All heavy atoms as atom14 arrays in JSON, in Angstrom:
{
  "sequence": "ADFTENEKRKRFVELGKVAKSQIEARLKAGDAFDKAVAAAGSSSGLK",
  "atom14_mask": [
    [1, 1, 1, 1, 1, 0, 0, 0, 0, 0, 0, 0, 0, 0],
    [1, 1, 1, 1, 1, 1, 1, 1, 0, 0, 0, 0, 0, 0],
    [1, 1, 1, 1, 1, 1, 1, 1, 1, 1, 1, 0, 0, 0],
    [1, 1, 1, 1, 1, 1, 1, 0, 0, 0, 0, 0, 0, 0],
    [1, 1, 1, 1, 1, 1, 1, 1, 1, 0, 0, 0, 0, 0],
    [1, 1, 1, 1, 1, 1, 1, 1, 0, 0, 0, 0, 0, 0],
    [1, 1, 1, 1, 1, 1, 1, 1, 1, 0, 0, 0, 0, 0],
    [1, 1, 1, 1, 1, 1, 1, 1, 1, 0, 0, 0, 0, 0],
    [1, 1, 1, 1, 1, 1, 1, 1, 1, 1, 1, 0, 0, 0],
    [1, 1, 1, 1, 1, 1, 1, 1, 1, 0, 0, 0, 0, 0],
    [1, 1, 1, 1, 1, 1, 1, 1, 1, 1, 1, 0, 0, 0],
    [1, 1, 1, 1, 1, 1, 1, 1, 1, 1, 1, 0, 0, 0],
    [1, 1, 1, 1, 1, 1, 1, 0, 0, 0, 0, 0, 0, 0],
    [1, 1, 1, 1, 1, 1, 1, 1, 1, 0, 0, 0, 0, 0],
    [1, 1, 1, 1, 1, 1, 1, 1, 0, 0, 0, 0, 0, 0],
    [1, 1, 1, 1, 0, 0, 0, 0, 0, 0, 0, 0, 0, 0],
    [1, 1, 1, 1, 1, 1, 1, 1, 1, 0, 0, 0, 0, 0],
    [1, 1, 1, 1, 1, 1, 1, 0, 0, 0, 0, 0, 0, 0],
    [1, 1, 1, 1, 1, 0, 0, 0, 0, 0, 0, 0, 0, 0],
    [1, 1, 1, 1, 1, 1, 1, 1, 1, 0, 0, 0, 0, 0],
    [1, 1, 1, 1, 1, 1, 0, 0, 0, 0, 0, 0, 0, 0],
    [1, 1, 1, 1, 1, 1, 1, 1, 1, 0, 0, 0, 0, 0],
    [1, 1, 1, 1, 1, 1, 1, 1, 0, 0, 0, 0, 0, 0],
    [1, 1, 1, 1, 1, 1, 1, 1, 1, 0, 0, 0, 0, 0],
    [1, 1, 1, 1, 1, 0, 0, 0, 0, 0, 0, 0, 0, 0],
    [1, 1, 1, 1, 1, 1, 1, 1, 1, 1, 1, 0, 0, 0],
    [1, 1, 1, 1, 1, 1, 1, 1, 0, 0, 0, 0, 0, 0],
    [1, 1, 1, 1, 1, 1, 1, 1, 1, 0, 0, 0, 0, 0],
    [1, 1, 1, 1, 1, 0, 0, 0, 0, 0, 0, 0, 0, 0],
    [1, 1, 1, 1, 0, 0, 0, 0, 0, 0, 0, 0, 0, 0],
    [1, 1, 1, 1, 1, 1, 1, 1, 0, 0, 0, 0, 0, 0],
    [1, 1, 1, 1, 1, 0, 0, 0, 0, 0, 0, 0, 0, 0],
    [1, 1, 1, 1, 1, 1, 1, 1, 1, 1, 1, 0, 0, 0],
    [1, 1, 1, 1, 1, 1, 1, 1, 0, 0, 0, 0, 0, 0],
    [1, 1, 1, 1, 1, 1, 1, 1, 1, 0, 0, 0, 0, 0],
    [1, 1, 1, 1, 1, 0, 0, 0, 0, 0, 0, 0, 0, 0],
    [1, 1, 1, 1, 1, 1, 1, 0, 0, 0, 0, 0, 0, 0],
    [1, 1, 1, 1, 1, 0, 0, 0, 0, 0, 0, 0, 0, 0],
    [1, 1, 1, 1, 1, 0, 0, 0, 0, 0, 0, 0, 0, 0],
    [1, 1, 1, 1, 1, 0, 0, 0, 0, 0, 0, 0, 0, 0],
    [1, 1, 1, 1, 0, 0, 0, 0, 0, 0, 0, 0, 0, 0],
    [1, 1, 1, 1, 1, 1, 0, 0, 0, 0, 0, 0, 0, 0],
    [1, 1, 1, 1, 1, 1, 0, 0, 0, 0, 0, 0, 0, 0],
    [1, 1, 1, 1, 1, 1, 0, 0, 0, 0, 0, 0, 0, 0],
    [1, 1, 1, 1, 0, 0, 0, 0, 0, 0, 0, 0, 0, 0],
    [1, 1, 1, 1, 1, 1, 1, 1, 0, 0, 0, 0, 0, 0],
    [1, 1, 1, 1, 1, 1, 1, 1, 1, 0, 0, 0, 0, 0]
  ],
  "atom14_positions": [
    [[103.24, 121.77, 119.47], [104.13, 120.87, 120.21], [103.42, 119.59, 120.61], [103.96, 118.48, 120.49], [104.67, 121.58, 121.45], [0.0, 0.0, 0.0], [0.0, 0.0, 0.0], [0.0, 0.0, 0.0], [0.0, 0.0, 0.0], [0.0, 0.0, 0.0], [0.0, 0.0, 0.0], [0.0, 0.0, 0.0], [0.0, 0.0, 0.0], [0.0, 0.0, 0.0]],
    [[102.18, 119.71, 121.08], [101.43, 118.53, 121.5], [101.1, 117.63, 120.31], [101.19, 116.41, 120.41], [100.12, 118.96, 122.19], [100.37, 119.59, 123.55], [101.5, 119.48, 124.06], [99.44, 120.21, 124.1], [0.0, 0.0, 0.0], [0.0, 0.0, 0.0], [0.0, 0.0, 0.0], [0.0, 0.0, 0.0], [0.0, 0.0, 0.0], [0.0, 0.0, 0.0]],
    [[100.69, 118.25, 119.2], [100.35, 117.47, 118.01], [101.58, 116.73, 117.49], [101.5, 115.54, 117.14], [99.81, 118.39, 116.92], [99.47, 117.67, 115.64], [98.23, 117.09, 115.45], [100.41, 117.56, 114.62], [97.93, 116.41, 114.27], [100.12, 116.89, 113.44], [98.87, 116.32, 113.27], [0.0, 0.0, 0.0], [0.0, 0.0, 0.0], [0.0, 0.0, 0.0]],
    [[102.72, 117.43, 117.48], [103.96, 116.81, 116.98], [104.35, 115.62, 117.85], [104.69, 114.55, 117.33], [105.09, 117.84, 116.96], [104.7, 118.94, 116.12], [106.37, 117.23, 116.45], [0.0, 0.0, 0.0], [0.0, 0.0, 0.0], [0.0, 0.0, 0.0], [0.0, 0.0, 0.0], [0.0, 0.0, 0.0], [0.0, 0.0, 0.0], [0.0, 0.0, 0.0]],
    [[104.29, 115.79, 119.15], [104.64, 114.69, 120.05], [103.64, 113.55, 119.94], [104.03, 112.37, 119.93], [104.69, 115.2, 121.49], [104.94, 114.14, 122.55], [106.25, 113.41, 122.37], [107.18, 113.99, 121.77], [106.36, 112.25, 122.83], [0.0, 0.0, 0.0], [0.0, 0.0, 0.0], [0.0, 0.0, 0.0], [0.0, 0.0, 0.0], [0.0, 0.0, 0.0]],
    [[102.37, 113.87, 119.82], [101.34, 112.85, 119.71], [101.52, 112.04, 118.42], [101.41, 110.8, 118.41], [99.96, 113.52, 119.72], [98.83, 112.51, 119.76], [98.61, 111.86, 120.77], [98.09, 112.39, 118.66], [0.0, 0.0, 0.0], [0.0, 0.0, 0.0], [0.0, 0.0, 0.0], [0.0, 0.0, 0.0], [0.0, 0.0, 0.0], [0.0, 0.0, 0.0]],
    [[101.8, 112.73, 117.33], [101.98, 112.06, 116.04], [103.25, 111.21, 116.04], [103.27, 110.1, 115.5], [102.05, 113.1, 114.93], [102.0, 112.53, 113.52], [100.66, 111.88, 113.19], [99.65, 112.22, 113.86], [100.63, 111.05, 112.26], [0.0, 0.0, 0.0], [0.0, 0.0, 0.0], [0.0, 0.0, 0.0], [0.0, 0.0, 0.0], [0.0, 0.0, 0.0]],
    [[104.31, 111.73, 116.66], [105.56, 110.99, 116.74], [105.36, 109.68, 117.51], [105.79, 108.61, 117.08], [106.63, 111.84, 117.42], [107.96, 111.11, 117.66], [108.96, 111.99, 118.38], [110.23, 111.21, 118.73], [111.23, 112.04, 119.44], [0.0, 0.0, 0.0], [0.0, 0.0, 0.0], [0.0, 0.0, 0.0], [0.0, 0.0, 0.0], [0.0, 0.0, 0.0]],
    [[104.7, 109.76, 118.67], [104.49, 108.54, 119.47], [103.57, 107.57, 118.74], [103.76, 106.35, 118.81], [103.92, 108.91, 120.84], [103.78, 107.72, 121.78], [103.82, 108.16, 123.23], [105.13, 108.63, 123.65], [106.06, 107.86, 124.19], [105.84, 106.57, 124.35], [107.21, 108.35, 124.55], [0.0, 0.0, 0.0], [0.0, 0.0, 0.0], [0.0, 0.0, 0.0]],
    [[102.57, 108.09, 118.08], [101.64, 107.22, 117.35], [102.4, 106.44, 116.26], [102.22, 105.22, 116.12], [100.53, 108.06, 116.71], [99.45, 107.23, 116.02], [98.52, 108.11, 115.2], [97.82, 109.15, 116.04], [96.86, 109.95, 115.25], [0.0, 0.0, 0.0], [0.0, 0.0, 0.0], [0.0, 0.0, 0.0], [0.0, 0.0, 0.0], [0.0, 0.0, 0.0]],
    [[103.25, 107.12, 115.53], [104.01, 106.44, 114.46], [105.03, 105.47, 115.05], [105.29, 104.41, 114.48], [104.71, 107.48, 113.57], [103.73, 108.38, 112.83], [104.42, 109.21, 111.77], [103.49, 110.11, 111.1], [103.77, 110.83, 110.03], [104.99, 110.74, 109.49], [102.88, 111.64, 109.48], [0.0, 0.0, 0.0], [0.0, 0.0, 0.0], [0.0, 0.0, 0.0]],
    [[105.61, 105.83, 116.19], [106.55, 104.95, 116.87], [105.86, 103.64, 117.27], [106.4, 102.55, 117.06], [107.1, 105.67, 118.11], [108.23, 104.95, 118.79], [109.49, 104.89, 118.24], [108.03, 104.34, 120.02], [110.55, 104.26, 118.89], [109.06, 103.69, 120.68], [110.33, 103.65, 120.11], [0.0, 0.0, 0.0], [0.0, 0.0, 0.0], [0.0, 0.0, 0.0]],
    [[104.65, 103.75, 117.81], [103.9, 102.57, 118.22], [103.52, 101.72, 117.01], [103.63, 100.48, 117.04], [102.63, 102.98, 119.0], [101.72, 101.78, 119.23], [103.01, 103.62, 120.33], [0.0, 0.0, 0.0], [0.0, 0.0, 0.0], [0.0, 0.0, 0.0], [0.0, 0.0, 0.0], [0.0, 0.0, 0.0], [0.0, 0.0, 0.0], [0.0, 0.0, 0.0]],
    [[103.09, 102.37, 115.94], [102.7, 101.63, 114.73], [103.89, 100.87, 114.15], [103.76, 99.7, 113.75], [102.13, 102.61, 113.7], [100.77, 103.18, 114.08], [100.31, 104.28, 113.14], [101.13, 104.68, 112.29], [99.16, 104.74, 113.27], [0.0, 0.0, 0.0], [0.0, 0.0, 0.0], [0.0, 0.0, 0.0], [0.0, 0.0, 0.0], [0.0, 0.0, 0.0]],
    [[105.06, 101.5, 114.12], [106.25, 100.82, 113.61], [106.67, 99.7, 114.55], [107.21, 98.68, 114.11], [107.39, 101.83, 113.43], [107.22, 102.83, 112.28], [108.35, 103.85, 112.28], [107.16, 102.1, 110.93], [0.0, 0.0, 0.0], [0.0, 0.0, 0.0], [0.0, 0.0, 0.0], [0.0, 0.0, 0.0], [0.0, 0.0, 0.0], [0.0, 0.0, 0.0]],
    [[106.42, 99.89, 115.85], [106.7, 98.82, 116.81], [105.87, 97.58, 116.52], [106.35, 96.44, 116.63], [0.0, 0.0, 0.0], [0.0, 0.0, 0.0], [0.0, 0.0, 0.0], [0.0, 0.0, 0.0], [0.0, 0.0, 0.0], [0.0, 0.0, 0.0], [0.0, 0.0, 0.0], [0.0, 0.0, 0.0], [0.0, 0.0, 0.0], [0.0, 0.0, 0.0]],
    [[104.6, 97.78, 116.16], [103.73, 96.65, 115.81], [104.22, 95.94, 114.55], [104.22, 94.71, 114.47], [102.29, 97.14, 115.61], [101.62, 97.65, 116.87], [100.21, 98.16, 116.56], [99.54, 98.68, 117.81], [98.17, 99.22, 117.53], [0.0, 0.0, 0.0], [0.0, 0.0, 0.0], [0.0, 0.0, 0.0], [0.0, 0.0, 0.0], [0.0, 0.0, 0.0]],
    [[104.65, 96.75, 113.57], [105.16, 96.16, 112.33], [106.43, 95.36, 112.62], [106.61, 94.23, 112.14], [105.46, 97.27, 111.3], [106.18, 96.7, 110.09], [104.16, 97.96, 110.88], [0.0, 0.0, 0.0], [0.0, 0.0, 0.0], [0.0, 0.0, 0.0], [0.0, 0.0, 0.0], [0.0, 0.0, 0.0], [0.0, 0.0, 0.0], [0.0, 0.0, 0.0]],
    [[107.32, 95.94, 113.44], [108.58, 95.26, 113.77], [108.3, 93.95, 114.51], [108.95, 92.92, 114.25], [109.46, 96.18, 114.61], [0.0, 0.0, 0.0], [0.0, 0.0, 0.0], [0.0, 0.0, 0.0], [0.0, 0.0, 0.0], [0.0, 0.0, 0.0], [0.0, 0.0, 0.0], [0.0, 0.0, 0.0], [0.0, 0.0, 0.0], [0.0, 0.0, 0.0]],
    [[107.34, 93.97, 115.43], [107.0, 92.74, 116.16], [106.58, 91.64, 115.2], [107.04, 90.49, 115.3], [105.88, 93.02, 117.17], [105.35, 91.76, 117.84], [104.06, 92.0, 118.59], [103.47, 90.67, 119.06], [102.21, 90.84, 119.79], [0.0, 0.0, 0.0], [0.0, 0.0, 0.0], [0.0, 0.0, 0.0], [0.0, 0.0, 0.0], [0.0, 0.0, 0.0]],
    [[105.7, 91.97, 114.26], [105.22, 90.96, 113.3], [106.37, 90.42, 112.45], [106.46, 89.2, 112.19], [104.14, 91.57, 112.39], [103.03, 92.0, 113.15], [0.0, 0.0, 0.0], [0.0, 0.0, 0.0], [0.0, 0.0, 0.0], [0.0, 0.0, 0.0], [0.0, 0.0, 0.0], [0.0, 0.0, 0.0], [0.0, 0.0, 0.0], [0.0, 0.0, 0.0]],
    [[107.23, 91.31, 112.04], [108.36, 90.87, 111.21], [109.32, 89.98, 112.0], [109.83, 88.98, 111.48], [109.1, 92.1, 110.66], [108.29, 92.91, 109.66], [109.02, 94.17, 109.22], [109.98, 94.58, 109.85], [108.54, 94.79, 108.14], [0.0, 0.0, 0.0], [0.0, 0.0, 0.0], [0.0, 0.0, 0.0], [0.0, 0.0, 0.0], [0.0, 0.0, 0.0]],
    [[109.57, 90.33, 113.25], [110.48, 89.52, 114.08], [109.88, 88.13, 114.32], [110.58, 87.11, 114.21], [110.75, 90.23, 115.42], [111.59, 91.5, 115.18], [111.48, 89.3, 116.39], [111.71, 92.4, 116.4], [0.0, 0.0, 0.0], [0.0, 0.0, 0.0], [0.0, 0.0, 0.0], [0.0, 0.0, 0.0], [0.0, 0.0, 0.0], [0.0, 0.0, 0.0]],
    [[108.58, 88.08, 114.64], [107.93, 86.78, 114.87], [108.0, 85.91, 113.62], [108.26, 84.69, 113.71], [106.47, 87.01, 115.28], [106.31, 87.51, 116.71], [104.85, 87.7, 117.1], [104.04, 88.08, 116.22], [104.51, 87.46, 118.27], [0.0, 0.0, 0.0], [0.0, 0.0, 0.0], [0.0, 0.0, 0.0], [0.0, 0.0, 0.0], [0.0, 0.0, 0.0]],
    [[107.77, 86.53, 112.45], [107.8, 85.76, 111.2], [109.2, 85.19, 110.95], [109.36, 84.02, 110.55], [107.37, 86.65, 110.03], [0.0, 0.0, 0.0], [0.0, 0.0, 0.0], [0.0, 0.0, 0.0], [0.0, 0.0, 0.0], [0.0, 0.0, 0.0], [0.0, 0.0, 0.0], [0.0, 0.0, 0.0], [0.0, 0.0, 0.0], [0.0, 0.0, 0.0]],
    [[110.23, 85.97, 111.18], [111.6, 85.51, 110.95], [112.02, 84.46, 111.98], [112.79, 83.55, 111.67], [112.56, 86.7, 110.96], [112.45, 87.55, 109.69], [113.51, 88.63, 109.64], [113.56, 89.24, 108.3], [114.3, 88.8, 107.3], [115.08, 87.73, 107.46], [114.29, 89.41, 106.12], [0.0, 0.0, 0.0], [0.0, 0.0, 0.0], [0.0, 0.0, 0.0]],
    [[111.52, 84.6, 113.22], [111.83, 83.58, 114.23], [111.22, 82.24, 113.84], [111.85, 81.18, 113.98], [111.31, 84.02, 115.6], [112.06, 85.17, 116.29], [111.32, 85.61, 117.55], [113.49, 84.74, 116.65], [0.0, 0.0, 0.0], [0.0, 0.0, 0.0], [0.0, 0.0, 0.0], [0.0, 0.0, 0.0], [0.0, 0.0, 0.0], [0.0, 0.0, 0.0]],
    [[110.01, 82.26, 113.32], [109.35, 81.03, 112.88], [110.09, 80.42, 111.69], [110.07, 79.2, 111.5], [107.89, 81.31, 112.52], [107.01, 81.6, 113.73], [105.57, 81.88, 113.32], [104.7, 82.19, 114.53], [103.3, 82.5, 114.14], [0.0, 0.0, 0.0], [0.0, 0.0, 0.0], [0.0, 0.0, 0.0], [0.0, 0.0, 0.0], [0.0, 0.0, 0.0]],
    [[110.71, 81.29, 110.9], [111.46, 80.79, 109.74], [112.82, 80.26, 110.12], [113.56, 79.75, 109.27], [111.61, 81.92, 108.71], [0.0, 0.0, 0.0], [0.0, 0.0, 0.0], [0.0, 0.0, 0.0], [0.0, 0.0, 0.0], [0.0, 0.0, 0.0], [0.0, 0.0, 0.0], [0.0, 0.0, 0.0], [0.0, 0.0, 0.0], [0.0, 0.0, 0.0]],
    [[113.19, 80.4, 111.4], [114.44, 79.84, 111.89], [115.55, 80.82, 112.12], [116.67, 80.43, 112.49], [0.0, 0.0, 0.0], [0.0, 0.0, 0.0], [0.0, 0.0, 0.0], [0.0, 0.0, 0.0], [0.0, 0.0, 0.0], [0.0, 0.0, 0.0], [0.0, 0.0, 0.0], [0.0, 0.0, 0.0], [0.0, 0.0, 0.0], [0.0, 0.0, 0.0]],
    [[115.3, 82.12, 111.92], [116.35, 83.11, 112.16], [116.63, 83.24, 113.66], [115.75, 83.05, 114.5], [115.92, 84.49, 111.64], [116.08, 84.6, 110.14], [116.56, 83.63, 109.53], [115.69, 85.65, 109.58], [0.0, 0.0, 0.0], [0.0, 0.0, 0.0], [0.0, 0.0, 0.0], [0.0, 0.0, 0.0], [0.0, 0.0, 0.0], [0.0, 0.0, 0.0]],
    [[117.85, 83.62, 113.98], [118.19, 83.96, 115.36], [117.56, 85.3, 115.7], [117.24, 86.12, 114.82], [119.7, 84.04, 115.54], [0.0, 0.0, 0.0], [0.0, 0.0, 0.0], [0.0, 0.0, 0.0], [0.0, 0.0, 0.0], [0.0, 0.0, 0.0], [0.0, 0.0, 0.0], [0.0, 0.0, 0.0], [0.0, 0.0, 0.0], [0.0, 0.0, 0.0]],
    [[117.36, 85.55, 116.99], [116.67, 86.77, 117.42], [117.41, 88.02, 116.94], [116.79, 88.96, 116.42], [116.53, 86.77, 118.95], [115.8, 87.97, 119.49], [114.44, 88.13, 119.29], [116.48, 88.95, 120.21], [113.77, 89.25, 119.78], [115.83, 90.06, 120.71], [114.46, 90.21, 120.5], [0.0, 0.0, 0.0], [0.0, 0.0, 0.0], [0.0, 0.0, 0.0]],
    [[118.72, 88.06, 117.11], [119.49, 89.23, 116.7], [119.32, 89.53, 115.21], [119.13, 90.69, 114.8], [120.98, 89.03, 116.99], [121.3, 89.08, 118.47], [120.37, 89.33, 119.25], [122.47, 88.87, 118.84], [0.0, 0.0, 0.0], [0.0, 0.0, 0.0], [0.0, 0.0, 0.0], [0.0, 0.0, 0.0], [0.0, 0.0, 0.0], [0.0, 0.0, 0.0]],
    [[119.36, 88.47, 114.39], [119.22, 88.65, 112.95], [117.81, 89.11, 112.59], [117.63, 89.98, 111.73], [119.53, 87.33, 112.25], [119.51, 87.41, 110.73], [119.89, 86.07, 110.11], [119.84, 86.15, 108.58], [120.2, 84.84, 107.94], [0.0, 0.0, 0.0], [0.0, 0.0, 0.0], [0.0, 0.0, 0.0], [0.0, 0.0, 0.0], [0.0, 0.0, 0.0]],
    [[116.82, 88.56, 113.28], [115.43, 88.95, 113.02], [115.2, 90.42, 113.38], [114.52, 91.16, 112.65], [114.48, 88.06, 113.82], [0.0, 0.0, 0.0], [0.0, 0.0, 0.0], [0.0, 0.0, 0.0], [0.0, 0.0, 0.0], [0.0, 0.0, 0.0], [0.0, 0.0, 0.0], [0.0, 0.0, 0.0], [0.0, 0.0, 0.0], [0.0, 0.0, 0.0]],
    [[115.78, 90.86, 114.5], [115.62, 92.26, 114.92], [116.32, 93.2, 113.95], [115.79, 94.26, 113.6], [116.17, 92.44, 116.35], [116.24, 93.93, 116.72], [115.32, 91.69, 117.36], [0.0, 0.0, 0.0], [0.0, 0.0, 0.0], [0.0, 0.0, 0.0], [0.0, 0.0, 0.0], [0.0, 0.0, 0.0], [0.0, 0.0, 0.0], [0.0, 0.0, 0.0]],
    [[117.51, 92.83, 113.5], [118.24, 93.68, 112.55], [117.45, 93.88, 111.27], [117.38, 95.0, 110.74], [119.6, 93.05, 112.25], [0.0, 0.0, 0.0], [0.0, 0.0, 0.0], [0.0, 0.0, 0.0], [0.0, 0.0, 0.0], [0.0, 0.0, 0.0], [0.0, 0.0, 0.0], [0.0, 0.0, 0.0], [0.0, 0.0, 0.0], [0.0, 0.0, 0.0]],
    [[116.83, 92.82, 110.78], [116.04, 92.93, 109.55], [114.82, 93.82, 109.77], [114.48, 94.66, 108.92], [115.61, 91.54, 109.09], [0.0, 0.0, 0.0], [0.0, 0.0, 0.0], [0.0, 0.0, 0.0], [0.0, 0.0, 0.0], [0.0, 0.0, 0.0], [0.0, 0.0, 0.0], [0.0, 0.0, 0.0], [0.0, 0.0, 0.0], [0.0, 0.0, 0.0]],
    [[114.17, 93.64, 110.93], [112.98, 94.45, 111.22], [113.36, 95.92, 111.38], [112.62, 96.82, 110.96], [112.31, 93.94, 112.49], [0.0, 0.0, 0.0], [0.0, 0.0, 0.0], [0.0, 0.0, 0.0], [0.0, 0.0, 0.0], [0.0, 0.0, 0.0], [0.0, 0.0, 0.0], [0.0, 0.0, 0.0], [0.0, 0.0, 0.0], [0.0, 0.0, 0.0]],
    [[114.52, 96.2, 111.98], [114.96, 97.58, 112.15], [115.24, 98.25, 110.82], [114.92, 99.42, 110.61], [0.0, 0.0, 0.0], [0.0, 0.0, 0.0], [0.0, 0.0, 0.0], [0.0, 0.0, 0.0], [0.0, 0.0, 0.0], [0.0, 0.0, 0.0], [0.0, 0.0, 0.0], [0.0, 0.0, 0.0], [0.0, 0.0, 0.0], [0.0, 0.0, 0.0]],
    [[115.83, 97.51, 109.9], [116.15, 98.07, 108.59], [114.89, 98.45, 107.82], [114.84, 99.5, 107.15], [116.96, 97.06, 107.77], [118.2, 96.8, 108.39], [0.0, 0.0, 0.0], [0.0, 0.0, 0.0], [0.0, 0.0, 0.0], [0.0, 0.0, 0.0], [0.0, 0.0, 0.0], [0.0, 0.0, 0.0], [0.0, 0.0, 0.0], [0.0, 0.0, 0.0]],
    [[113.88, 97.61, 107.9], [112.66, 97.88, 107.14], [111.76, 98.92, 107.81], [111.04, 99.65, 107.13], [111.88, 96.58, 106.93], [111.48, 96.04, 108.18], [0.0, 0.0, 0.0], [0.0, 0.0, 0.0], [0.0, 0.0, 0.0], [0.0, 0.0, 0.0], [0.0, 0.0, 0.0], [0.0, 0.0, 0.0], [0.0, 0.0, 0.0], [0.0, 0.0, 0.0]],
    [[111.81, 99.03, 109.14], [110.92, 99.95, 109.85], [111.54, 101.32, 110.08], [110.84, 102.31, 110.3], [110.52, 99.37, 111.21], [111.65, 99.26, 112.06], [0.0, 0.0, 0.0], [0.0, 0.0, 0.0], [0.0, 0.0, 0.0], [0.0, 0.0, 0.0], [0.0, 0.0, 0.0], [0.0, 0.0, 0.0], [0.0, 0.0, 0.0], [0.0, 0.0, 0.0]],
    [[112.86, 101.39, 110.05], [113.53, 102.65, 110.33], [113.82, 102.87, 111.8], [114.38, 103.9, 112.18], [0.0, 0.0, 0.0], [0.0, 0.0, 0.0], [0.0, 0.0, 0.0], [0.0, 0.0, 0.0], [0.0, 0.0, 0.0], [0.0, 0.0, 0.0], [0.0, 0.0, 0.0], [0.0, 0.0, 0.0], [0.0, 0.0, 0.0], [0.0, 0.0, 0.0]],
    [[113.45, 101.91, 112.65], [113.73, 102.03, 114.09], [115.15, 101.53, 114.37], [115.62, 100.57, 113.78], [112.73, 101.21, 114.9], [111.27, 101.65, 114.83], [110.38, 100.7, 115.64], [111.11, 103.08, 115.34], [0.0, 0.0, 0.0], [0.0, 0.0, 0.0], [0.0, 0.0, 0.0], [0.0, 0.0, 0.0], [0.0, 0.0, 0.0], [0.0, 0.0, 0.0]],
    [[115.82, 102.19, 115.34], [117.17, 101.8, 115.74], [117.08, 100.9, 116.97], [116.78, 101.37, 118.06], [118.01, 103.03, 116.03], [118.23, 103.92, 114.81], [119.07, 105.14, 115.17], [119.27, 106.03, 113.95], [120.07, 107.25, 114.29], [0.0, 0.0, 0.0], [0.0, 0.0, 0.0], [0.0, 0.0, 0.0], [0.0, 0.0, 0.0], [0.0, 0.0, 0.0]]
  ]
}
């Protein structure tokens, strides 16, 4: 149970970092925040 929870949170944090980078890149490219987040969610699997 501890390993499963630890691994789940670790992957959640890693995907959060990926999503942040993707959102920042799209914002710099001129996307609106909502559109940038939607794209990052699709590629990362986060809702």
